């Protein structure tokens, strides 16, 4: 089985919403289309992460291996508030997710 992982995870403030983008690649750095990625955005940042403080969803990568995720529109984002995006699982036939490589989680402080 070939190896895949997230090699890029970024945040952007888009109006009053938080956007996270991730890229799934193979060991040669090629983006992988149709990988199903389970991710979450959590708030407020705490170590227990009860299910009510986060949002989970599955995304399918585009032709360049990229997914884009937004914090739910109903969330009020506060200056200085910390948020986390976490990759929980990646699935694609013929590939194994190596969660030791690349990014698995990233925190963002809303400015």
PDB file of N, CA and C in Angstrom:
ATOM      1  N   UNK A   1       0.836  -1.188   0.000  1.00  0.00           N
ATOM      2  CA  UNK A   1       0.000   0.000   0.000  1.00  0.00           C
ATOM      3  C   UNK A   1       0.877   1.246   0.000  1.00  0.00           C
ATOM      4  N   UNK A   2       0.447   2.230  -0.744  1.00  0.00           N
ATOM      5  CA  UNK A   2       1.146   3.512  -0.786  1.00  0.00           C
ATOM      6  C   UNK A   2       0.785   4.340   0.454  1.00  0.00           C
ATOM      7  N   UNK A   3       1.627   5.298   0.763  1.00  0.00           N
ATOM      8  CA  UNK A   3       1.443   6.147   1.936  1.00  0.00           C
ATOM      9  C   UNK A   3       0.850   7.494   1.509  1.00  0.00           C
ATOM     10  N   UNK A   4      -0.019   8.056   2.372  1.00  0.00           N
ATOM     11  CA  UNK A   4      -0.544   9.408   2.167  1.00  0.00           C
ATOM     12  C   UNK A   4      -0.550  10.133   3.504  1.00  0.00           C
ATOM     13  N   UNK A   5      -0.561  11.468   3.437  1.00  0.00           N
ATOM     14  CA  UNK A   5      -0.597  12.293   4.649  1.00  0.00           C
ATOM     15  C   UNK A   5      -0.993  13.715   4.280  1.00  0.00           C
ATOM     16  N   UNK A   6      -1.256  14.546   5.287  1.00  0.00           N
ATOM     17  CA  UNK A   6      -1.578  15.957   5.079  1.00  0.00           C
ATOM     18  C   UNK A   6      -0.274  16.731   5.136  1.00  0.00           C
ATOM     19  N   UNK A   7       0.114  17.365   4.016  1.00  0.00           N
ATOM     20  CA  UNK A   7       1.387  18.085   4.018  1.00  0.00           C
ATOM     21  C   UNK A   7       1.213  19.588   4.155  1.00  0.00           C
ATOM     22  N   UNK A   8      -0.037  20.059   4.170  1.00  0.00           N
ATOM     23  CA  UNK A   8      -0.272  21.487   4.304  1.00  0.00           C
ATOM     24  C   UNK A   8      -1.598  21.697   5.008  1.00  0.00           C
ATOM     25  N   UNK A   9      -1.592  22.535   6.041  1.00  0.00           N
ATOM     26  CA  UNK A   9      -2.798  22.870   6.787  1.00  0.00           C
ATOM     27  C   UNK A   9      -2.710  24.350   7.105  1.00  0.00           C
ATOM     28  N   UNK A  10      -3.668  25.138   6.606  1.00  0.00           N
ATOM     29  CA  UNK A  10      -3.613  26.585   6.799  1.00  0.00           C
ATOM     30  C   UNK A  10      -4.953  27.118   7.289  1.00  0.00           C
ATOM     31  N   UNK A  11      -4.905  28.286   7.912  1.00  0.00           N
ATOM     32  CA  UNK A  11      -6.097  28.999   8.361  1.00  0.00           C
ATOM     33  C   UNK A  11      -6.174  30.337   7.664  1.00  0.00           C
ATOM     34  N   UNK A  12      -7.386  30.840   7.485  1.00  0.00           N
ATOM     35  CA  UNK A  12      -7.595  32.193   6.962  1.00  0.00           C
ATOM     36  C   UNK A  12      -8.864  32.761   7.590  1.00  0.00           C
ATOM     37  N   UNK A  13      -8.843  34.037   7.851  1.00  0.00           N
ATOM     38  CA  UNK A  13     -10.028  34.750   8.316  1.00  0.00           C
ATOM     39  C   UNK A  13     -10.742  35.253   7.072  1.00  0.00           C
ATOM     40  N   UNK A  14     -11.968  34.789   6.848  1.00  0.00           N
ATOM     41  CA  UNK A  14     -12.748  35.174   5.678  1.00  0.00           C
ATOM     42  C   UNK A  14     -14.001  35.867   6.194  1.00  0.00           C
ATOM     43  N   UNK A  15     -13.988  37.192   6.162  1.00  0.00           N
ATOM     44  CA  UNK A  15     -15.076  37.945   6.775  1.00  0.00           C
ATOM     45  C   UNK A  15     -15.076  37.637   8.264  1.00  0.00           C
ATOM     46  N   UNK A  16     -16.196  37.152   8.763  1.00  0.00           N
ATOM     47  CA  UNK A  16     -16.286  36.769  10.172  1.00  0.00           C
ATOM     48  C   UNK A  16     -16.289  35.254  10.352  1.00  0.00           C
ATOM     49  N   UNK A  17     -15.735  34.543   9.366  1.00  0.00           N
ATOM     50  CA  UNK A  17     -15.668  33.080   9.450  1.00  0.00           C
ATOM     51  C   UNK A  17     -14.229  32.617   9.379  1.00  0.00           C
ATOM     52  N   UNK A  18     -13.981  31.482   9.973  1.00  0.00           N
ATOM     53  CA  UNK A  18     -12.657  30.862   9.968  1.00  0.00           C
ATOM     54  C   UNK A  18     -12.652  29.758   8.920  1.00  0.00           C
ATOM     55  N   UNK A  19     -11.657  29.791   8.027  1.00  0.00           N
ATOM     56  CA  UNK A  19     -11.536  28.776   6.979  1.00  0.00           C
ATOM     57  C   UNK A  19     -10.241  28.005   7.181  1.00  0.00           C
ATOM     58  N   UNK A  20     -10.330  26.690   7.106  1.00  0.00           N
ATOM     59  CA  UNK A  20      -9.148  25.827   7.167  1.00  0.00           C
ATOM     60  C   UNK A  20      -9.039  25.083   5.844  1.00  0.00           C
ATOM     61  N   UNK A  21      -7.812  24.969   5.343  1.00  0.00           N
ATOM     62  CA  UNK A  21      -7.552  24.256   4.101  1.00  0.00           C
ATOM     63  C   UNK A  21      -6.463  23.220   4.361  1.00  0.00           C
ATOM     64  N   UNK A  22      -6.648  22.018   3.841  1.00  0.00           N
ATOM     65  CA  UNK A  22      -5.658  20.953   4.014  1.00  0.00           C
ATOM     66  C   UNK A  22      -5.396  20.299   2.656  1.00  0.00           C
ATOM     67  N   UNK A  23      -4.177  19.792   2.486  1.00  0.00           N
ATOM     68  CA  UNK A  23      -3.822  19.093   1.253  1.00  0.00           C
ATOM     69  C   UNK A  23      -3.311  17.702   1.583  1.00  0.00           C
ATOM     70  N   UNK A  24      -3.897  16.696   0.933  1.00  0.00           N
ATOM     71  CA  UNK A  24      -3.509  15.295   1.106  1.00  0.00           C
ATOM     72  C   UNK A  24      -2.612  14.909  -0.061  1.00  0.00           C
ATOM     73  N   UNK A  25      -1.435  14.363   0.255  1.00  0.00           N
ATOM     74  CA  UNK A  25      -0.456  14.020  -0.777  1.00  0.00           C
ATOM     75  C   UNK A  25       0.081  12.603  -0.577  1.00  0.00           C
ATOM     76  N   UNK A  26       0.722  12.095  -1.640  1.00  0.00           N
ATOM     77  CA  UNK A  26       1.462  10.837  -1.522  1.00  0.00           C
ATOM     78  C   UNK A  26       2.910  11.161  -1.152  1.00  0.00           C
ATOM     79  N   UNK A  27       3.753  10.164  -1.083  1.00  0.00           N
ATOM     80  CA  UNK A  27       5.141  10.390  -0.653  1.00  0.00           C
ATOM     81  C   UNK A  27       5.957  11.190  -1.660  1.00  0.00           C
ATOM     82  N   UNK A  28       5.459  11.362  -2.880  1.00  0.00           N
ATOM     83  CA  UNK A  28       6.129  12.204  -3.876  1.00  0.00           C
ATOM     84  C   UNK A  28       5.599  13.631  -3.876  1.00  0.00           C
ATOM     85  N   UNK A  29       4.646  13.928  -2.975  1.00  0.00           N
ATOM     86  CA  UNK A  29       4.086  15.274  -2.888  1.00  0.00           C
ATOM     87  C   UNK A  29       2.952  15.544  -3.853  1.00  0.00           C
ATOM     88  N   UNK A  30       2.476  14.508  -4.536  1.00  0.00           N
ATOM     89  CA  UNK A  30       1.355  14.664  -5.475  1.00  0.00           C
ATOM     90  C   UNK A  30       0.033  14.707  -4.717  1.00  0.00           C
ATOM     91  N   UNK A  31      -0.825  15.692  -5.036  1.00  0.00           N
ATOM     92  CA  UNK A  31      -2.146  15.767  -4.429  1.00  0.00           C
ATOM     93  C   UNK A  31      -2.987  14.567  -4.824  1.00  0.00           C
ATOM     94  N   UNK A  32      -3.754  14.051  -3.870  1.00  0.00           N
ATOM     95  CA  UNK A  32      -4.560  12.846  -4.109  1.00  0.00           C
ATOM     96  C   UNK A  32      -6.041  13.191  -4.167  1.00  0.00           C
ATOM     97  N   UNK A  33      -6.632  12.960  -5.322  1.00  0.00           N
ATOM     98  CA  UNK A  33      -8.052  13.219  -5.529  1.00  0.00           C
ATOM     99  C   UNK A  33      -8.894  12.118  -4.905  1.00  0.00           C
ATOM    100  N   UNK A  34     -10.073  12.495  -4.407  1.00  0.00           N
ATOM    101  CA  UNK A  34     -11.100  11.583  -3.881  1.00  0.00           C
ATOM    102  C   UNK A  34     -10.746  10.927  -2.554  1.00  0.00           C
ATOM    103  N   UNK A  35      -9.736  11.451  -1.841  1.00  0.00           N
ATOM    104  CA  UNK A  35      -9.477  10.969  -0.482  1.00  0.00           C
ATOM    105  C   UNK A  35     -10.576  11.531   0.426  1.00  0.00           C
ATOM    106  N   UNK A  36     -11.129  10.697   1.286  1.00  0.00           N
ATOM    107  CA  UNK A  36     -12.145  11.137   2.234  1.00  0.00           C
ATOM    108  C   UNK A  36     -11.433  11.469   3.549  1.00  0.00           C
ATOM    109  N   UNK A  37     -11.605  12.716   3.988  1.00  0.00           N
ATOM    110  CA  UNK A  37     -10.898  13.224   5.160  1.00  0.00           C
ATOM    111  C   UNK A  37     -11.921  13.590   6.224  1.00  0.00           C
ATOM    112  N   UNK A  38     -11.793  13.004   7.414  1.00  0.00           N
ATOM    113  CA  UNK A  38     -12.651  13.353   8.542  1.00  0.00           C
ATOM    114  C   UNK A  38     -11.904  14.372   9.389  1.00  0.00           C
ATOM    115  N   UNK A  39     -12.519  15.544   9.561  1.00  0.00           N
ATOM    116  CA  UNK A  39     -11.882  16.634  10.297  1.00  0.00           C
ATOM    117  C   UNK A  39     -12.855  17.206  11.318  1.00  0.00           C
ATOM    118  N   UNK A  40     -12.314  17.989  12.244  1.00  0.00           N
ATOM    119  CA  UNK A  40     -13.144  18.716  13.198  1.00  0.00           C
ATOM    120  C   UNK A  40     -12.581  20.112  13.399  1.00  0.00           C
ATOM    121  N   UNK A  41     -13.477  21.042  13.712  1.00  0.00           N
ATOM    122  CA  UNK A  41     -13.084  22.348  14.232  1.00  0.00           C
ATOM    123  C   UNK A  41     -13.648  22.395  15.640  1.00  0.00           C
ATOM    124  N   UNK A  42     -12.799  22.740  16.610  1.00  0.00           N
ATOM    125  CA  UNK A  42     -13.220  22.740  18.011  1.00  0.00           C
ATOM    126  C   UNK A  42     -13.114  24.134  18.603  1.00  0.00           C
ATOM    127  N   UNK A  43     -14.024  24.442  19.522  1.00  0.00           N
ATOM    128  CA  UNK A  43     -13.983  25.653  20.322  1.00  0.00           C
ATOM    129  C   UNK A  43     -14.761  25.427  21.595  1.00  0.00           C
ATOM    130  N   UNK A  44     -14.555  26.138  22.701  1.00  0.00           N
ATOM    131  CA  UNK A  44     -13.286  26.788  22.956  1.00  0.00           C
ATOM    132  C   UNK A  44     -12.229  25.727  23.166  1.00  0.00           C
ATOM    133  N   UNK A  45     -10.996  26.098  23.072  1.00  0.00           N
ATOM    134  CA  UNK A  45      -9.924  25.122  23.172  1.00  0.00           C
ATOM    135  C   UNK A  45      -9.840  24.603  24.603  1.00  0.00           C
ATOM    136  N   UNK A  46     -10.092  23.330  24.774  1.00  0.00           N
ATOM    137  CA  UNK A  46      -9.855  22.686  26.068  1.00  0.00           C
ATOM    138  C   UNK A  46      -9.466  21.253  25.804  1.00  0.00           C
ATOM    139  N   UNK A  47      -8.879  20.621  26.778  1.00  0.00           N
ATOM    140  CA  UNK A  47      -8.287  19.297  26.545  1.00  0.00           C
ATOM    141  C   UNK A  47      -9.311  18.178  26.447  1.00  0.00           C
ATOM    142  N   UNK A  48     -10.537  18.393  26.928  1.00  0.00           N
ATOM    143  CA  UNK A  48     -11.510  17.298  26.917  1.00  0.00           C
ATOM    144  C   UNK A  48     -12.321  17.240  25.628  1.00  0.00           C
ATOM    145  N   UNK A  49     -12.511  18.364  24.959  1.00  0.00           N
ATOM    146  CA  UNK A  49     -13.251  18.448  23.707  1.00  0.00           C
ATOM    147  C   UNK A  49     -14.559  17.657  23.736  1.00  0.00           C
ATOM    148  N   UNK A  50     -15.513  18.084  24.582  1.00  0.00           N
ATOM    149  CA  UNK A  50     -16.814  17.398  24.520  1.00  0.00           C
ATOM    150  C   UNK A  50     -17.415  17.572  23.133  1.00  0.00           C
ATOM    151  N   UNK A  51     -18.210  16.618  22.722  1.00  0.00           N
ATOM    152  CA  UNK A  51     -18.756  16.601  21.373  1.00  0.00           C
ATOM    153  C   UNK A  51     -19.508  17.891  21.060  1.00  0.00           C
ATOM    154  N   UNK A  52     -20.110  18.542  22.060  1.00  0.00           N
ATOM    155  CA  UNK A  52     -20.893  19.754  21.824  1.00  0.00           C
ATOM    156  C   UNK A  52     -20.021  20.961  21.509  1.00  0.00           C
ATOM    157  N   UNK A  53     -18.704  20.889  21.729  1.00  0.00           N
ATOM    158  CA  UNK A  53     -17.861  22.058  21.488  1.00  0.00           C
ATOM    159  C   UNK A  53     -17.224  22.029  20.105  1.00  0.00           C
ATOM    160  N   UNK A  54     -17.543  21.033  19.299  1.00  0.00           N
ATOM    161  CA  UNK A  54     -16.884  20.929  18.001  1.00  0.00           C
ATOM    162  C   UNK A  54     -17.835  20.541  16.897  1.00  0.00           C
ATOM    163  N   UNK A  55     -17.287  20.539  15.716  1.00  0.00           N
ATOM    164  CA  UNK A  55     -18.043  20.212  14.518  1.00  0.00           C
ATOM    165  C   UNK A  55     -17.224  19.220  13.727  1.00  0.00           C
ATOM    166  N   UNK A  56     -17.814  18.090  13.375  1.00  0.00           N
ATOM    167  CA  UNK A  56     -17.129  17.028  12.631  1.00  0.00           C
ATOM    168  C   UNK A  56     -17.769  16.885  11.259  1.00  0.00           C
ATOM    169  N   UNK A  57     -16.928  16.614  10.268  1.00  0.00           N
ATOM    170  CA  UNK A  57     -17.481  16.440   8.941  1.00  0.00           C
ATOM    171  C   UNK A  57     -16.508  15.662   8.076  1.00  0.00           C
ATOM    172  N   UNK A  58     -17.031  14.986   7.060  1.00  0.00           N
ATOM    173  CA  UNK A  58     -16.198  14.311   6.063  1.00  0.00           C
ATOM    174  C   UNK A  58     -16.140  15.168   4.806  1.00  0.00           C
ATOM    175  N   UNK A  59     -14.953  15.301   4.255  1.00  0.00           N
ATOM    176  CA  UNK A  59     -14.750  16.026   3.004  1.00  0.00           C
ATOM    177  C   UNK A  59     -14.053  15.109   2.023  1.00  0.00           C
ATOM    178  N   UNK A  60     -14.263  15.337   0.745  1.00  0.00           N
ATOM    179  CA  UNK A  60     -13.560  14.609  -0.306  1.00  0.00           C
ATOM    180  C   UNK A  60     -12.636  15.585  -1.011  1.00  0.00           C
ATOM    181  N   UNK A  61     -11.371  15.202  -1.155  1.00  0.00           N
ATOM    182  CA  UNK A  61     -10.400  16.090  -1.788  1.00  0.00           C
ATOM    183  C   UNK A  61     -10.723  16.321  -3.256  1.00  0.00           C
ATOM    184  N   UNK A  62     -10.352  17.514  -3.734  1.00  0.00           N
ATOM    185  CA  UNK A  62     -10.557  17.848  -5.141  1.00  0.00           C
ATOM    186  C   UNK A  62      -9.415  17.263  -5.985  1.00  0.00           C
ATOM    187  N   UNK A  63      -9.329  17.651  -7.246  1.00  0.00           N
ATOM    188  CA  UNK A  63      -8.332  17.079  -8.160  1.00  0.00           C
ATOM    189  C   UNK A  63      -6.897  17.408  -7.759  1.00  0.00           C
ATOM    190  N   UNK A  64      -6.710  18.416  -6.894  1.00  0.00           N
ATOM    191  CA  UNK A  64      -5.369  18.765  -6.423  1.00  0.00           C
ATOM    192  C   UNK A  64      -5.083  18.212  -5.031  1.00  0.00           C
ATOM    193  N   UNK A  65      -6.030  17.439  -4.482  1.00  0.00           N
ATOM    194  CA  UNK A  65      -5.845  16.857  -3.155  1.00  0.00           C
ATOM    195  C   UNK A  65      -6.225  17.782  -2.020  1.00  0.00           C
ATOM    196  N   UNK A  66      -7.013  18.819  -2.297  1.00  0.00           N
ATOM    197  CA  UNK A  66      -7.310  19.854  -1.305  1.00  0.00           C
ATOM    198  C   UNK A  66      -8.747  19.756  -0.806  1.00  0.00           C
ATOM    199  N   UNK A  67      -8.910  20.000   0.511  1.00  0.00           N
ATOM    200  CA  UNK A  67     -10.231  20.194   1.115  1.00  0.00           C
ATOM    201  C   UNK A  67     -10.244  21.576   1.745  1.00  0.00           C
ATOM    202  N   UNK A  68     -11.440  22.154   1.828  1.00  0.00           N
ATOM    203  CA  UNK A  68     -11.618  23.442   2.488  1.00  0.00           C
ATOM    204  C   UNK A  68     -12.774  23.303   3.467  1.00  0.00           C
ATOM    205  N   UNK A  69     -12.570  23.777   4.688  1.00  0.00           N
ATOM    206  CA  UNK A  69     -13.548  23.638   5.755  1.00  0.00           C
ATOM    207  C   UNK A  69     -13.754  24.999   6.413  1.00  0.00           C
ATOM    208  N   UNK A  70     -15.009  25.343   6.704  1.00  0.00           N
ATOM    209  CA  UNK A  70     -15.344  26.580   7.398  1.00  0.00           C
ATOM    210  C   UNK A  70     -15.935  26.263   8.761  1.00  0.00           C
ATOM    211  N   UNK A  71     -15.632  27.131   9.748  1.00  0.00           N
ATOM    212  CA  UNK A  71     -16.315  27.025  11.037  1.00  0.00           C
ATOM    213  C   UNK A  71     -17.800  27.279  10.779  1.00  0.00           C
ATOM    214  N   UNK A  72     -18.685  26.642  11.541  1.00  0.00           N
ATOM    215  CA  UNK A  72     -20.117  26.834  11.324  1.00  0.00           C
ATOM    216  C   UNK A  72     -20.511  28.307  11.364  1.00  0.00           C
ATOM    217  N   UNK A  73     -21.423  28.701  10.497  1.00  0.00           N
ATOM    218  CA  UNK A  73     -21.830  30.101  10.377  1.00  0.00           C
ATOM    219  C   UNK A  73     -22.409  30.647  11.677  1.00  0.00           C
ATOM    220  N   UNK A  74     -23.001  29.808  12.488  1.00  0.00           N
ATOM    221  CA  UNK A  74     -23.607  30.255  13.737  1.00  0.00           C
ATOM    222  C   UNK A  74     -22.626  30.570  14.855  1.00  0.00           C
ATOM    223  N   UNK A  75     -21.373  30.176  14.694  1.00  0.00           N
ATOM    224  CA  UNK A  75     -20.396  30.433  15.733  1.00  0.00           C
ATOM    225  C   UNK A  75     -20.057  31.915  15.782  1.00  0.00           C
ATOM    226  N   UNK A  76     -19.974  32.463  16.989  1.00  0.00           N
ATOM    227  CA  UNK A  76     -19.474  33.815  17.184  1.00  0.00           C
ATOM    228  C   UNK A  76     -18.001  33.682  17.520  1.00  0.00           C
ATOM    229  N   UNK A  77     -17.148  34.216  16.665  1.00  0.00           N
ATOM    230  CA  UNK A  77     -15.706  34.109  16.869  1.00  0.00           C
ATOM    231  C   UNK A  77     -15.218  35.355  17.589  1.00  0.00           C
ATOM    232  N   UNK A  78     -14.518  35.161  18.699  1.00  0.00           N
ATOM    233  CA  UNK A  78     -14.085  36.261  19.551  1.00  0.00           C
ATOM    234  C   UNK A  78     -12.596  36.513  19.405  1.00  0.00           C
ATOM    235  N   UNK A  79     -12.217  37.795  19.445  1.00  0.00           N
ATOM    236  CA  UNK A  79     -10.795  38.158  19.420  1.00  0.00           C
ATOM    237  C   UNK A  79     -10.082  37.442  20.559  1.00  0.00           C
ATOM    238  N   UNK A  80      -8.951  36.839  20.249  1.00  0.00           N
ATOM    239  CA  UNK A  80      -8.189  36.101  21.245  1.00  0.00           C
ATOM    240  C   UNK A  80      -8.681  34.682  21.473  1.00  0.00           C
ATOM    241  N   UNK A  81      -9.831  34.311  20.878  1.00  0.00           N
ATOM    242  CA  UNK A  81     -10.346  32.947  21.031  1.00  0.00           C
ATOM    243  C   UNK A  81      -9.485  31.961  20.270  1.00  0.00           C
ATOM    244  N   UNK A  82      -9.257  30.801  20.863  1.00  0.00           N
ATOM    245  CA  UNK A  82      -8.443  29.778  20.206  1.00  0.00           C
ATOM    246  C   UNK A  82      -9.333  28.683  19.646  1.00  0.00           C
ATOM    247  N   UNK A  83      -8.980  28.233  18.448  1.00  0.00           N
ATOM    248  CA  UNK A  83      -9.723  27.192  17.744  1.00  0.00           C
ATOM    249  C   UNK A  83      -8.723  26.176  17.224  1.00  0.00           C
ATOM    250  N   UNK A  84      -9.187  24.961  17.024  1.00  0.00           N
ATOM    251  CA  UNK A  84      -8.299  23.912  16.529  1.00  0.00           C
ATOM    252  C   UNK A  84      -8.980  23.140  15.418  1.00  0.00           C
ATOM    253  N   UNK A  85      -8.222  22.858  14.373  1.00  0.00           N
ATOM    254  CA  UNK A  85      -8.654  21.929  13.330  1.00  0.00           C
ATOM    255  C   UNK A  85      -7.830  20.667  13.505  1.00  0.00           C
ATOM    256  N   UNK A  86      -8.499  19.536  13.471  1.00  0.00           N
ATOM    257  CA  UNK A  86      -7.817  18.257  13.654  1.00  0.00           C
ATOM    258  C   UNK A  86      -8.266  17.276  12.582  1.00  0.00           C
ATOM    259  N   UNK A  87      -7.309  16.565  12.005  1.00  0.00           N
ATOM    260  CA  UNK A  87      -7.594  15.504  11.043  1.00  0.00           C
ATOM    261  C   UNK A  87      -7.741  14.209  11.851  1.00  0.00           C
ATOM    262  N   UNK A  88      -8.891  13.564  11.728  1.00  0.00           N
ATOM    263  CA  UNK A  88      -9.158  12.335  12.480  1.00  0.00           C
ATOM    264  C   UNK A  88      -8.920  11.075  11.652  1.00  0.00           C
ATOM    265  N   UNK A  89      -9.098  11.187  10.342  1.00  0.00           N
ATOM    266  CA  UNK A  89      -8.971   9.994   9.504  1.00  0.00           C
ATOM    267  C   UNK A  89      -8.870  10.409   8.042  1.00  0.00           C
ATOM    268  N   UNK A  90      -8.108   9.649   7.264  1.00  0.00           N
ATOM    269  CA  UNK A  90      -8.053   9.821   5.805  1.00  0.00           C
ATOM    270  C   UNK A  90      -8.184   8.435   5.183  1.00  0.00           C
ATOM    271  N   UNK A  91      -9.065   8.313   4.206  1.00  0.00           N
ATOM    272  CA  UNK A  91      -9.272   7.026   3.536  1.00  0.00           C
ATOM    273  C   UNK A  91      -9.229   7.218   2.021  1.00  0.00           C
ATOM    274  N   UNK A  92      -8.503   6.333   1.357  1.00  0.00           N
ATOM    275  CA  UNK A  92      -8.445   6.292  -0.102  1.00  0.00           C
ATOM    276  C   UNK A  92      -7.984   4.893  -0.490  1.00  0.00           C
ATOM    277  N   UNK A  93      -8.743   4.191  -1.337  1.00  0.00           N
ATOM    278  CA  UNK A  93      -8.328   2.842  -1.733  1.00  0.00           C
ATOM    279  C   UNK A  93      -6.902   2.825  -2.284  1.00  0.00           C
ATOM    280  N   UNK A  94      -6.124   1.844  -1.813  1.00  0.00           N
ATOM    281  CA  UNK A  94      -4.744   1.693  -2.255  1.00  0.00           C
ATOM    282  C   UNK A  94      -3.734   2.473  -1.442  1.00  0.00           C
ATOM    283  N   UNK A  95      -4.221   3.274  -0.450  1.00  0.00           N
ATOM    284  CA  UNK A  95      -3.337   4.106   0.365  1.00  0.00           C
ATOM    285  C   UNK A  95      -3.567   3.855   1.852  1.00  0.00           C
ATOM    286  N   UNK A  96      -2.508   4.077   2.616  1.00  0.00           N
ATOM    287  CA  UNK A  96      -2.566   4.032   4.068  1.00  0.00           C
ATOM    288  C   UNK A  96      -2.177   5.404   4.588  1.00  0.00           C
ATOM    289  N   UNK A  97      -2.959   5.926   5.528  1.00  0.00           N
ATOM    290  CA  UNK A  97      -2.655   7.219   6.130  1.00  0.00           C
ATOM    291  C   UNK A  97      -1.532   7.059   7.141  1.00  0.00           C
ATOM    292  N   UNK A  98      -0.442   7.790   6.936  1.00  0.00           N
ATOM    293  CA  UNK A  98       0.654   7.831   7.904  1.00  0.00           C
ATOM    294  C   UNK A  98       0.511   9.116   8.708  1.00  0.00           C
ATOM    295  N   UNK A  99      -0.169   9.034   9.843  1.00  0.00           N
ATOM    296  CA  UNK A  99      -0.448  10.229  10.639  1.00  0.00           C
ATOM    297  C   UNK A  99       0.786  10.744  11.369  1.00  0.00           C
ATOM    298  N   UNK A 100       1.908  10.039  11.261  1.00  0.00           N
ATOM    299  CA  UNK A 100       3.162  10.532  11.845  1.00  0.00           C
ATOM    300  C   UNK A 100       3.830  11.567  10.937  1.00  0.00           C
ATOM    301  N   UNK A 101       3.464  11.583   9.670  1.00  0.00           N
ATOM    302  CA  UNK A 101       4.031  12.547   8.720  1.00  0.00           C
ATOM    303  C   UNK A 101       3.092  13.740   8.575  1.00  0.00           C
ATOM    304  N   UNK A 102       3.663  14.871   8.246  1.00  0.00           N
ATOM    305  CA  UNK A 102       2.865  16.056   7.949  1.00  0.00           C
ATOM    306  C   UNK A 102       2.119  16.601   9.146  1.00  0.00           C
ATOM    307  N   UNK A 103       0.946  17.172   8.877  1.00  0.00           N
ATOM    308  CA  UNK A 103       0.133  17.819   9.902  1.00  0.00           C
ATOM    309  C   UNK A 103      -1.008  16.921  10.331  1.00  0.00           C
ATOM    310  N   UNK A 104      -1.333  16.978  11.601  1.00  0.00           N
ATOM    311  CA  UNK A 104      -2.514  16.281  12.104  1.00  0.00           C
ATOM    312  C   UNK A 104      -3.477  17.257  12.752  1.00  0.00           C
ATOM    313  N   UNK A 105      -2.935  18.329  13.354  1.00  0.00           N
ATOM    314  CA  UNK A 105      -3.772  19.335  13.998  1.00  0.00           C
ATOM    315  C   UNK A 105      -3.055  20.674  13.968  1.00  0.00           C
ATOM    316  N   UNK A 106      -3.862  21.741  14.046  1.00  0.00           N
ATOM    317  CA  UNK A 106      -3.300  23.079  14.072  1.00  0.00           C
ATOM    318  C   UNK A 106      -4.239  23.986  14.847  1.00  0.00           C
ATOM    319  N   UNK A 107      -3.657  24.904  15.620  1.00  0.00           N
ATOM    320  CA  UNK A 107      -4.447  25.861  16.394  1.00  0.00           C
ATOM    321  C   UNK A 107      -4.369  27.244  15.759  1.00  0.00           C
ATOM    322  N   UNK A 108      -5.432  28.008  15.976  1.00  0.00           N
ATOM    323  CA  UNK A 108      -5.520  29.353  15.423  1.00  0.00           C
ATOM    324  C   UNK A 108      -6.094  30.266  16.497  1.00  0.00           C
ATOM    325  N   UNK A 109      -5.508  31.451  16.654  1.00  0.00           N
ATOM    326  CA  UNK A 109      -6.045  32.471  17.554  1.00  0.00           C
ATOM    327  C   UNK A 109      -6.701  33.545  16.712  1.00  0.00           C
ATOM    328  N   UNK A 110      -8.008  33.743  16.929  1.00  0.00           N
ATOM    329  CA  UNK A 110      -8.769  34.727  16.174  1.00  0.00           C
ATOM    330  C   UNK A 110      -8.299  36.127  16.557  1.00  0.00           C
ATOM    331  N   UNK A 111      -7.965  36.928  15.573  1.00  0.00           N
ATOM    332  CA  UNK A 111      -7.480  38.322  15.823  1.00  0.00           C
ATOM    333  C   UNK A 111      -8.570  39.320  15.590  1.00  0.00           C
TER     334      UNK A 111
END
